[in-house]
Amino acid sequence: MRMTMAVLAVATATLWAQSATAQTVAASPGDCLWNSLSETDRTEVLTAYDRNMNSATKALAAHDKAVQAAAAACVGKEGAPPIWIQYATSSAMIRAASARRLAPKGLTPENLRAIWNAADPAVRTCFRANAARVYGPMADKLMKGETCPDKSIAERVVTAARIDMTDRPNAAQALIHFNAIAQADLAEGLLAAFVRYSSPAS
């Protein structure tokens, strides 16, 4: 019997709760998918990110055929919805690109993930609500508290990364990075639920 979206929703919520403390920067489906591209292709996408997000997503989309070809190996099962594969890959790309931009501040993907894991659950919930829209409101709206009920949430997590909110370029990259972590939680939770609950291939 095919799994229902209700089953997926419950399974994803459970996986989110587990990942809040357990997930690290260790290899994940999204990382695997992103790294399935050649170094040349990844560099091309990261260079596009330096122009703007739209350029980066277009550059990544140009390699979607190669990403989808790696899906079964990275997810652990054939037949995952292509859109979930795209979301997982784009979140990994955005994390890689934003972390590269934040490196001069002494931040690494490991540092940023640790800050995320240590954040108040309300912080993660807020970012996940934003990430669920998939590239929803721009980072500056999140910085103003327009997508979260608690206007101090964005400032809390950026401050934990030792970035002042007045440092808008770096604050925006930090917010983008945490939003991408939240997006990864969503996409990879759905992929894990797909593997766990989908019917065996006939």
C-alpha atoms as a PDB file:
ATOM      1  CA  MET A   1       0.000   0.000   0.000  1.00  0.00           C
ATOM      2  CA  ARG A   2       1.294   3.430  -0.894  1.00  0.00           C
ATOM      3  CA  MET A   3       2.230   5.660   1.991  1.00  0.00           C
ATOM      4  CA  THR A   4       0.013   8.667   2.589  1.00  0.00           C
ATOM      5  CA  MET A   5       1.066  12.261   3.160  1.00  0.00           C
ATOM      6  CA  ALA A   6      -0.322  11.939   6.702  1.00  0.00           C
ATOM      7  CA  VAL A   7       2.090   9.095   7.402  1.00  0.00           C
ATOM      8  CA  LEU A   8       4.896  11.156   5.912  1.00  0.00           C
ATOM      9  CA  ALA A   9       3.966  14.153   8.031  1.00  0.00           C
ATOM     10  CA  VAL A  10       4.045  12.130  11.258  1.00  0.00           C
ATOM     11  CA  ALA A  11       7.251  10.378  10.295  1.00  0.00           C
ATOM     12  CA  THR A  12       8.927  13.632   9.318  1.00  0.00           C
ATOM     13  CA  ALA A  13       7.936  15.315  12.588  1.00  0.00           C
ATOM     14  CA  THR A  14       9.450  12.389  14.482  1.00  0.00           C
ATOM     15  CA  LEU A  15      12.642  12.526  12.457  1.00  0.00           C
ATOM     16  CA  TRP A  16      12.876  16.291  13.002  1.00  0.00           C
ATOM     17  CA  ALA A  17      12.687  15.773  16.744  1.00  0.00           C
ATOM     18  CA  GLN A  18      15.423  13.148  16.561  1.00  0.00           C
ATOM     19  CA  SER A  19      17.633  15.288  14.343  1.00  0.00           C
ATOM     20  CA  ALA A  20      17.412  18.324  16.610  1.00  0.00           C
ATOM     21  CA  THR A  21      20.118  16.896  18.843  1.00  0.00           C
ATOM     22  CA  ALA A  22      21.574  14.008  16.878  1.00  0.00           C
ATOM     23  CA  GLN A  23      22.246  15.399  13.418  1.00  0.00           C
ATOM     24  CA  THR A  24      25.725  16.632  12.638  1.00  0.00           C
ATOM     25  CA  VAL A  25      27.624  17.710   9.553  1.00  0.00           C
ATOM     26  CA  ALA A  26      28.270  14.045   8.824  1.00  0.00           C
ATOM     27  CA  ALA A  27      27.290  12.782   5.384  1.00  0.00           C
ATOM     28  CA  SER A  28      23.580  13.054   4.668  1.00  0.00           C
ATOM     29  CA  PRO A  29      21.540  12.446   1.515  1.00  0.00           C
ATOM     30  CA  GLY A  30      21.780  16.143   0.659  1.00  0.00           C
ATOM     31  CA  ASP A  31      25.549  16.214   1.123  1.00  0.00           C
ATOM     32  CA  CYS A  32      25.857  13.020  -0.911  1.00  0.00           C
ATOM     33  CA  LEU A  33      23.770  14.469  -3.739  1.00  0.00           C
ATOM     34  CA  TRP A  34      25.693  17.748  -3.776  1.00  0.00           C
ATOM     35  CA  ASN A  35      29.039  15.938  -3.722  1.00  0.00           C
ATOM     36  CA  SER A  36      27.924  13.647  -6.537  1.00  0.00           C
ATOM     37  CA  LEU A  37      28.594  16.593  -8.838  1.00  0.00           C
ATOM     38  CA  SER A  38      32.130  17.082 -10.069  1.00  0.00           C
ATOM     39  CA  GLU A  39      34.326  19.647  -8.349  1.00  0.00           C
ATOM     40  CA  THR A  40      34.158  21.747 -11.508  1.00  0.00           C
ATOM     41  CA  ASP A  41      30.362  21.741 -11.471  1.00  0.00           C
ATOM     42  CA  ARG A  42      30.208  22.556  -7.744  1.00  0.00           C
ATOM     43  CA  THR A  43      32.642  25.443  -8.238  1.00  0.00           C
ATOM     44  CA  GLU A  44      30.476  26.758 -11.063  1.00  0.00           C
ATOM     45  CA  VAL A  45      27.416  26.764  -8.804  1.00  0.00           C
ATOM     46  CA  LEU A  46      29.279  28.331  -5.874  1.00  0.00           C
ATOM     47  CA  THR A  47      30.604  31.062  -8.156  1.00  0.00           C
ATOM     48  CA  ALA A  48      27.047  31.716  -9.285  1.00  0.00           C
ATOM     49  CA  TYR A  49      26.001  31.996  -5.618  1.00  0.00           C
ATOM     50  CA  ASP A  50      28.513  34.819  -5.220  1.00  0.00           C
ATOM     51  CA  ARG A  51      26.407  36.737  -7.747  1.00  0.00           C
ATOM     52  CA  ASN A  52      23.046  35.977  -6.149  1.00  0.00           C
ATOM     53  CA  MET A  53      20.803  33.131  -4.990  1.00  0.00           C
ATOM     54  CA  ASN A  54      18.797  33.084  -8.197  1.00  0.00           C
ATOM     55  CA  SER A  55      21.947  32.539 -10.263  1.00  0.00           C
ATOM     56  CA  ALA A  56      23.023  29.723  -7.960  1.00  0.00           C
ATOM     57  CA  THR A  57      19.707  27.888  -8.119  1.00  0.00           C
ATOM     58  CA  LYS A  58      19.668  28.183 -11.906  1.00  0.00           C
ATOM     59  CA  ALA A  59      23.229  26.890 -12.120  1.00  0.00           C
ATOM     60  CA  LEU A  60      22.359  23.956  -9.872  1.00  0.00           C
ATOM     61  CA  ALA A  61      19.209  23.207 -11.858  1.00  0.00           C
ATOM     62  CA  ALA A  62      21.369  22.836 -14.975  1.00  0.00           C
ATOM     63  CA  HIS A  63      22.916  19.779 -13.309  1.00  0.00           C
ATOM     64  CA  ASP A  64      19.638  18.249 -12.162  1.00  0.00           C
ATOM     65  CA  LYS A  65      19.973  15.234 -14.472  1.00  0.00           C
ATOM     66  CA  ALA A  66      23.266  14.274 -12.824  1.00  0.00           C
ATOM     67  CA  VAL A  67      21.828  14.854  -9.350  1.00  0.00           C
ATOM     68  CA  GLN A  68      18.773  12.720 -10.040  1.00  0.00           C
ATOM     69  CA  ALA A  69      21.030   9.961 -11.391  1.00  0.00           C
ATOM     70  CA  ALA A  70      22.764   9.816  -8.000  1.00  0.00           C
ATOM     71  CA  ALA A  71      19.502   9.803  -6.040  1.00  0.00           C
ATOM     72  CA  ALA A  72      19.062   6.066  -5.518  1.00  0.00           C
ATOM     73  CA  ALA A  73      22.602   5.655  -4.194  1.00  0.00           C
ATOM     74  CA  CYS A  74      22.398   8.701  -1.914  1.00  0.00           C
ATOM     75  CA  VAL A  75      18.881   8.103  -0.593  1.00  0.00           C
ATOM     76  CA  GLY A  76      19.162   4.328  -0.361  1.00  0.00           C
ATOM     77  CA  LYS A  77      16.105   3.577  -2.473  1.00  0.00           C
ATOM     78  CA  GLU A  78      14.865   4.268  -5.978  1.00  0.00           C
ATOM     79  CA  GLY A  79      11.777   6.312  -6.723  1.00  0.00           C
ATOM     80  CA  ALA A  80      12.054   9.220  -4.289  1.00  0.00           C
ATOM     81  CA  PRO A  81      10.105  12.273  -5.493  1.00  0.00           C
ATOM     82  CA  PRO A  82      12.461  14.368  -7.661  1.00  0.00           C
ATOM     83  CA  ILE A  83      11.397  17.580  -5.929  1.00  0.00           C
ATOM     84  CA  TRP A  84      12.590  16.242  -2.557  1.00  0.00           C
ATOM     85  CA  ILE A  85      15.902  15.335  -4.178  1.00  0.00           C
ATOM     86  CA  GLN A  86      16.169  18.877  -5.500  1.00  0.00           C
ATOM     87  CA  TYR A  87      15.367  20.409  -2.094  1.00  0.00           C
ATOM     88  CA  ALA A  88      17.936  18.228  -0.323  1.00  0.00           C
ATOM     89  CA  THR A  89      20.596  19.088  -2.896  1.00  0.00           C
ATOM     90  CA  SER A  90      19.874  22.806  -2.905  1.00  0.00           C
ATOM     91  CA  SER A  91      20.034  22.954   0.891  1.00  0.00           C
ATOM     92  CA  ALA A  92      23.453  21.295   0.812  1.00  0.00           C
ATOM     93  CA  MET A  93      24.604  23.719  -1.858  1.00  0.00           C
ATOM     94  CA  ILE A  94      23.366  26.738   0.090  1.00  0.00           C
ATOM     95  CA  ARG A  95      25.035  25.511   3.286  1.00  0.00           C
ATOM     96  CA  ALA A  96      28.314  25.034   1.436  1.00  0.00           C
ATOM     97  CA  ALA A  97      28.101  28.433  -0.232  1.00  0.00           C
ATOM     98  CA  SER A  98      27.037  30.418   2.840  1.00  0.00           C
ATOM     99  CA  ALA A  99      29.638  28.683   5.020  1.00  0.00           C
ATOM    100  CA  ARG A 100      32.286  29.671   2.497  1.00  0.00           C
ATOM    101  CA  ARG A 101      31.141  33.291   2.770  1.00  0.00           C
ATOM    102  CA  LEU A 102      31.234  33.067   6.594  1.00  0.00           C
ATOM    103  CA  ALA A 103      34.668  31.443   6.780  1.00  0.00           C
ATOM    104  CA  PRO A 104      36.448  34.812   7.264  1.00  0.00           C
ATOM    105  CA  LYS A 105      34.425  35.177  10.478  1.00  0.00           C
ATOM    106  CA  GLY A 106      36.052  31.987  11.770  1.00  0.00           C
ATOM    107  CA  LEU A 107      32.906  29.928  11.271  1.00  0.00           C
ATOM    108  CA  THR A 108      32.870  26.434   9.809  1.00  0.00           C
ATOM    109  CA  PRO A 109      29.981  24.128   8.868  1.00  0.00           C
ATOM    110  CA  GLU A 110      30.712  22.258  12.094  1.00  0.00           C
ATOM    111  CA  ASN A 111      30.486  25.470  14.154  1.00  0.00           C
ATOM    112  CA  LEU A 112      27.251  26.467  12.487  1.00  0.00           C
ATOM    113  CA  ARG A 113      25.667  23.045  12.952  1.00  0.00           C
ATOM    114  CA  ALA A 114      26.695  23.077  16.640  1.00  0.00           C
ATOM    115  CA  ILE A 115      25.048  26.481  17.072  1.00  0.00           C
ATOM    116  CA  TRP A 116      21.912  25.127  15.399  1.00  0.00           C
ATOM    117  CA  ASN A 117      21.847  22.031  17.608  1.00  0.00           C
ATOM    118  CA  ALA A 118      22.300  24.153  20.738  1.00  0.00           C
ATOM    119  CA  ALA A 119      19.611  26.675  19.795  1.00  0.00           C
ATOM    120  CA  ASP A 120      16.352  26.912  21.692  1.00  0.00           C
ATOM    121  CA  PRO A 121      13.718  24.619  20.108  1.00  0.00           C
ATOM    122  CA  ALA A 122      11.642  27.711  19.343  1.00  0.00           C
ATOM    123  CA  VAL A 123      14.464  28.959  17.144  1.00  0.00           C
ATOM    124  CA  ARG A 124      14.561  25.772  15.115  1.00  0.00           C
ATOM    125  CA  THR A 125      10.772  25.714  14.854  1.00  0.00           C
ATOM    126  CA  CYS A 126      10.771  29.255  13.527  1.00  0.00           C
ATOM    127  CA  PHE A 127      13.386  28.539  10.879  1.00  0.00           C
ATOM    128  CA  ARG A 128      11.605  25.346   9.864  1.00  0.00           C
ATOM    129  CA  ALA A 129       8.372  27.266   9.355  1.00  0.00           C
ATOM    130  CA  ASN A 130      10.268  29.585   7.054  1.00  0.00           C
ATOM    131  CA  ALA A 131      12.117  26.767   5.261  1.00  0.00           C
ATOM    132  CA  ALA A 132       8.882  24.897   4.643  1.00  0.00           C
ATOM    133  CA  ARG A 133       7.965  27.622   2.190  1.00  0.00           C
ATOM    134  CA  VAL A 134      11.100  26.667   0.198  1.00  0.00           C
ATOM    135  CA  TYR A 135      13.035  29.846  -0.413  1.00  0.00           C
ATOM    136  CA  GLY A 136      10.127  31.691   1.150  1.00  0.00           C
ATOM    137  CA  PRO A 137      10.616  35.221   2.518  1.00  0.00           C
ATOM    138  CA  MET A 138      14.037  36.680   1.914  1.00  0.00           C
ATOM    139  CA  ALA A 139      16.579  36.721   4.738  1.00  0.00           C
ATOM    140  CA  ASP A 140      16.055  40.413   5.465  1.00  0.00           C
ATOM    141  CA  LYS A 141      12.397  39.701   6.275  1.00  0.00           C
ATOM    142  CA  LEU A 142      13.486  37.026   8.733  1.00  0.00           C
ATOM    143  CA  MET A 143      15.961  39.494  10.227  1.00  0.00           C
ATOM    144  CA  LYS A 144      13.061  41.863  10.875  1.00  0.00           C
ATOM    145  CA  GLY A 145      11.065  39.115  12.545  1.00  0.00           C
ATOM    146  CA  GLU A 146       8.376  39.178   9.880  1.00  0.00           C
ATOM    147  CA  THR A 147       8.194  35.400   9.573  1.00  0.00           C
ATOM    148  CA  CYS A 148       8.530  34.491  13.252  1.00  0.00           C
ATOM    149  CA  PRO A 149       6.240  35.283  16.174  1.00  0.00           C
ATOM    150  CA  ASP A 150       9.236  36.119  18.359  1.00  0.00           C
ATOM    151  CA  LYS A 151      11.196  38.962  16.787  1.00  0.00           C
ATOM    152  CA  SER A 152      14.285  38.155  18.857  1.00  0.00           C
ATOM    153  CA  ILE A 153      14.663  34.629  17.463  1.00  0.00           C
ATOM    154  CA  ALA A 154      16.728  35.573  14.426  1.00  0.00           C
ATOM    155  CA  GLU A 155      18.961  37.816  16.514  1.00  0.00           C
ATOM    156  CA  ARG A 156      19.540  35.058  19.082  1.00  0.00           C
ATOM    157  CA  VAL A 157      20.934  32.517  16.644  1.00  0.00           C
ATOM    158  CA  VAL A 158      23.036  35.067  14.734  1.00  0.00           C
ATOM    159  CA  THR A 159      24.447  36.423  17.979  1.00  0.00           C
ATOM    160  CA  ALA A 160      25.336  32.866  18.992  1.00  0.00           C
ATOM    161  CA  ALA A 161      27.473  32.794  15.844  1.00  0.00           C
ATOM    162  CA  ARG A 162      29.192  35.977  17.124  1.00  0.00           C
ATOM    163  CA  ILE A 163      27.833  38.087  14.296  1.00  0.00           C
ATOM    164  CA  ASP A 164      26.268  41.462  15.009  1.00  0.00           C
ATOM    165  CA  MET A 165      22.901  42.038  13.364  1.00  0.00           C
ATOM    166  CA  THR A 166      24.194  45.374  12.092  1.00  0.00           C
ATOM    167  CA  ASP A 167      26.732  43.441  10.036  1.00  0.00           C
ATOM    168  CA  ARG A 168      24.045  42.818   7.458  1.00  0.00           C
ATOM    169  CA  PRO A 169      26.034  40.885   4.813  1.00  0.00           C
ATOM    170  CA  ASN A 170      27.303  38.320   7.320  1.00  0.00           C
ATOM    171  CA  ALA A 171      24.085  38.278   9.345  1.00  0.00           C
ATOM    172  CA  ALA A 172      22.169  37.526   6.148  1.00  0.00           C
ATOM    173  CA  GLN A 173      24.543  34.689   5.247  1.00  0.00           C
ATOM    174  CA  ALA A 174      24.165  33.216   8.735  1.00  0.00           C
ATOM    175  CA  LEU A 175      20.379  33.368   8.469  1.00  0.00           C
ATOM    176  CA  ILE A 176      20.513  31.814   5.009  1.00  0.00           C
ATOM    177  CA  HIS A 177      22.725  29.043   6.368  1.00  0.00           C
ATOM    178  CA  PHE A 178      20.407  28.233   9.274  1.00  0.00           C
ATOM    179  CA  ASN A 179      17.414  28.361   6.950  1.00  0.00           C
ATOM    180  CA  ALA A 180      19.201  25.852   4.694  1.00  0.00           C
ATOM    181  CA  ILE A 181      19.800  23.558   7.673  1.00  0.00           C
ATOM    182  CA  ALA A 182      16.071  23.724   8.400  1.00  0.00           C
ATOM    183  CA  GLN A 183      15.305  23.017   4.754  1.00  0.00           C
ATOM    184  CA  ALA A 184      17.656  20.018   4.891  1.00  0.00           C
ATOM    185  CA  ASP A 185      15.844  18.718   7.973  1.00  0.00           C
ATOM    186  CA  LEU A 186      12.568  18.879   6.066  1.00  0.00           C
ATOM    187  CA  ALA A 187      13.795  17.361   2.793  1.00  0.00           C
ATOM    188  CA  GLU A 188      15.884  14.657   4.430  1.00  0.00           C
ATOM    189  CA  GLY A 189      13.120  13.830   6.904  1.00  0.00           C
ATOM    190  CA  LEU A 190      10.797  13.260   3.965  1.00  0.00           C
ATOM    191  CA  LEU A 191      13.398  11.129   2.181  1.00  0.00           C
ATOM    192  CA  ALA A 192      13.987   9.044   5.314  1.00  0.00           C
ATOM    193  CA  ALA A 193      10.240   8.560   5.671  1.00  0.00           C
ATOM    194  CA  PHE A 194      10.057   7.540   2.013  1.00  0.00           C
ATOM    195  CA  VAL A 195      12.698   4.861   2.552  1.00  0.00           C
ATOM    196  CA  ARG A 196      11.107   3.658   5.768  1.00  0.00           C
ATOM    197  CA  TYR A 197       7.448   3.586   4.772  1.00  0.00           C
ATOM    198  CA  SER A 198       7.232   3.192   1.013  1.00  0.00           C
ATOM    199  CA  SER A 199       6.216  -0.144  -0.468  1.00  0.00           C
ATOM    200  CA  PRO A 200       9.003  -2.360  -1.808  1.00  0.00           C
ATOM    201  CA  ALA A 201       9.544  -1.919  -5.513  1.00  0.00           C
ATOM    202  CA  SER A 202       7.639  -4.564  -7.464  1.00  0.00           C
END
